[in-house]
Protein backbone atom coordinates (compact mmCIF):
# COMPACT_ATOMS: atom_id res chain seq x y z
CA MET A 1 0.00 0.00 0.00
CA TYR A 2 1.15 3.51 -0.76
CA GLU A 3 2.08 5.37 2.43
CA GLN A 4 0.28 8.56 1.28
CA LEU A 5 -2.99 6.60 0.99
CA LYS A 6 -3.13 5.47 4.61
CA LEU A 7 -6.05 6.95 6.52
CA GLU A 8 -3.82 8.17 9.36
CA ASN A 9 -1.83 10.23 6.82
CA GLN A 10 -4.89 12.11 5.59
CA LEU A 11 -5.31 15.62 6.97
CA CYS A 12 -8.73 15.76 5.30
CA PHE A 13 -9.94 12.88 7.48
CA ARG A 14 -9.00 14.79 10.61
CA PHE A 15 -11.02 17.81 9.45
CA TYR A 16 -13.94 15.57 8.55
CA ALA A 17 -13.85 13.81 11.93
CA VAL A 18 -13.55 17.06 13.91
CA SER A 19 -16.40 18.65 11.94
CA ARG A 20 -18.66 15.64 12.44
CA LEU A 21 -17.87 15.34 16.15
CA ILE A 22 -18.38 19.06 16.82
CA THR A 23 -21.69 19.04 14.95
CA GLN A 24 -22.69 15.98 16.99
CA ALA A 25 -21.76 17.81 20.21
CA TYR A 26 -24.05 20.70 19.25
CA GLY A 27 -26.97 18.32 18.62
CA PRO A 28 -28.45 17.99 22.12
CA LEU A 29 -28.14 21.70 22.90
CA LEU A 30 -29.74 22.74 19.62
CA SER A 31 -32.49 20.13 19.73
CA GLU A 32 -33.64 21.64 23.04
CA MET A 33 -34.22 24.83 21.05
CA GLY A 34 -35.81 22.99 18.12
CA LEU A 35 -32.90 23.80 15.81
CA THR A 36 -30.59 21.92 13.51
CA TYR A 37 -26.93 22.87 13.22
CA PRO A 38 -27.38 24.51 9.76
CA GLN A 39 -30.31 26.54 11.13
CA TYR A 40 -28.14 27.65 14.03
CA LEU A 41 -25.47 28.85 11.59
CA VAL A 42 -28.05 30.90 9.65
CA LEU A 43 -29.30 32.41 12.91
CA LEU A 44 -25.73 33.32 13.92
CA VAL A 45 -25.39 35.26 10.68
CA LEU A 46 -28.75 37.01 11.11
CA TRP A 47 -28.15 37.83 14.77
CA GLU A 48 -25.08 39.74 13.64
CA LYS A 49 -26.94 41.57 10.86
CA ASP A 50 -30.66 41.11 10.33
CA GLY A 51 -32.31 41.62 6.96
CA MET A 52 -29.71 40.06 4.66
CA PRO A 53 -30.10 38.89 1.07
CA VAL A 54 -29.96 35.13 0.55
CA ASN A 55 -26.76 35.54 -1.50
CA ASP A 56 -25.01 37.30 1.39
CA ILE A 57 -26.06 34.61 3.86
CA ALA A 58 -24.77 31.92 1.51
CA LYS A 59 -21.45 33.73 1.12
CA ARG A 60 -21.01 34.09 4.88
CA LEU A 61 -21.65 30.36 5.31
CA LEU A 62 -19.45 29.42 2.32
CA LEU A 63 -22.42 27.66 0.71
CA ASN A 64 -24.24 27.89 -2.60
CA THR A 65 -27.60 29.66 -2.65
CA ASN A 66 -29.26 26.46 -3.88
CA THR A 67 -28.14 24.84 -0.62
CA VAL A 68 -29.29 27.72 1.59
CA THR A 69 -32.67 28.35 -0.08
CA PRO A 70 -34.39 25.10 1.05
CA LEU A 71 -32.99 25.63 4.55
CA LEU A 72 -34.44 29.15 4.64
CA LYS A 73 -37.80 27.86 3.38
CA ARG A 74 -37.94 25.39 6.28
CA MET A 75 -36.94 28.13 8.71
CA GLU A 76 -39.74 30.31 7.35
CA GLU A 77 -42.22 27.45 7.81
CA GLU A 78 -41.01 27.20 11.43
CA GLN A 79 -41.56 30.96 11.79
CA LEU A 80 -37.91 31.72 12.54
CA VAL A 81 -37.43 34.00 9.53
CA THR A 82 -39.37 35.79 6.84
CA ARG A 83 -38.34 36.01 3.20
CA THR A 84 -39.37 39.06 1.19
CA LYS A 85 -38.58 40.43 -2.24
CA GLY A 86 -35.91 43.13 -2.27
CA THR A 87 -37.10 46.70 -2.77
CA VAL A 88 -34.27 47.66 -5.14
CA ASP A 89 -34.04 44.38 -7.05
CA GLY A 90 -37.21 42.28 -7.13
CA ARG A 91 -35.15 39.17 -7.92
CA GLN A 92 -33.33 39.50 -4.62
CA VAL A 93 -34.79 37.77 -1.56
CA VAL A 94 -34.12 39.38 1.82
CA VAL A 95 -34.22 37.23 4.94
CA SER A 96 -35.22 38.75 8.28
CA LEU A 97 -35.67 37.33 11.75
CA THR A 98 -39.14 36.95 13.20
CA GLN A 99 -39.74 37.63 16.88
CA LYS A 100 -39.32 33.90 17.49
CA GLY A 101 -35.93 34.04 15.72
CA HIS A 102 -34.88 37.06 17.78
CA ASP A 103 -35.99 35.38 21.01
CA LEU A 104 -33.78 32.36 20.35
CA GLU A 105 -30.67 34.56 20.54
CA ALA A 106 -31.03 34.95 24.31
CA LYS A 107 -31.53 31.20 24.70
CA ALA A 108 -28.49 30.45 22.51
CA GLN A 109 -26.04 32.73 24.30
CA CYS A 110 -24.93 29.92 26.62
CA ILE A 111 -24.15 27.46 23.82
CA PRO A 112 -20.56 28.59 23.08
CA MET A 113 -19.57 28.28 26.76
CA GLN A 114 -21.27 24.92 27.14
CA LEU A 115 -19.53 23.58 24.03
CA GLY A 116 -16.20 25.13 24.95
CA SER A 117 -16.15 23.26 28.22
CA ARG A 118 -16.47 19.97 26.31
CA PHE A 119 -13.29 20.71 24.33
CA VAL A 120 -11.05 21.42 27.30
CA CYS A 121 -8.17 18.96 27.57
CA GLU A 122 -4.52 18.81 28.65
CA ASP A 123 -3.23 18.72 25.07
CA ILE A 124 -4.88 21.99 24.04
CA LYS A 125 -4.18 25.07 26.17
CA ASP A 126 -6.14 28.34 26.11
CA ASP A 127 -3.51 30.00 23.90
CA ASP A 128 -3.78 27.18 21.36
CA TRP A 129 -7.41 27.96 20.52
CA GLY A 130 -6.60 31.40 19.08
CA MET A 131 -3.70 30.00 17.08
CA LEU A 132 -5.83 27.11 15.84
CA ALA A 133 -8.64 29.47 14.79
CA GLY A 134 -6.15 31.67 12.93
CA LYS A 135 -4.68 28.70 11.05
CA MET A 136 -8.17 27.42 10.19
CA ASP A 137 -9.18 30.90 8.94
CA ALA A 138 -6.07 31.01 6.73
CA LEU A 139 -6.85 27.57 5.31
CA ILE A 140 -10.49 28.54 4.69
CA ARG A 141 -9.30 31.69 2.90
CA VAL A 142 -6.91 29.77 0.66
CA LEU A 143 -9.43 27.06 -0.19
CA SER A 144 -12.20 29.61 -0.80
CA GLU A 145 -9.99 31.61 -3.16
CA ARG A 146 -9.06 28.45 -5.07
CA ASP A 147 -12.70 27.42 -5.23
CA ALA A 148 -13.70 30.86 -6.56
CA ALA A 149 -10.91 30.62 -9.17
CA GLY A 150 -12.19 27.23 -10.32
CA GLY A 151 -9.65 25.18 -8.40
CA GLU A 152 -6.64 27.13 -9.55
CA ALA A 153 -4.33 29.17 -7.35
């Protein structure tokens, strides 16, 4: 077997596993609020800036609009958001929080602390989290730029 094809030599597997396990850790906390993890991400974006076009939400989440649109439709059915036609461009759809969506922000404020406590361990010190976030942001930037350029860099 080729050494580079061993699972333990795949950085991508580590990212996949971490992503899956973190999403799994969010599950019980979000289900208490009646939310899925993708819905939570949309709400995070809208809590920062309410009344955003679908395209802007998709860009913030590094997703395609055709992925975000069905999610937003479900959120509208659950009365978390409203979707309205843009006033300047009728083709644009603007997403705004409902009162129910606003109210969830106060309930969600404890989630980061609750999750953070689950990730505490001897191998990762407080200083490491900032460095890790910075490295992840740099990798996201590089991969996003390559994706936007059609895979070229």
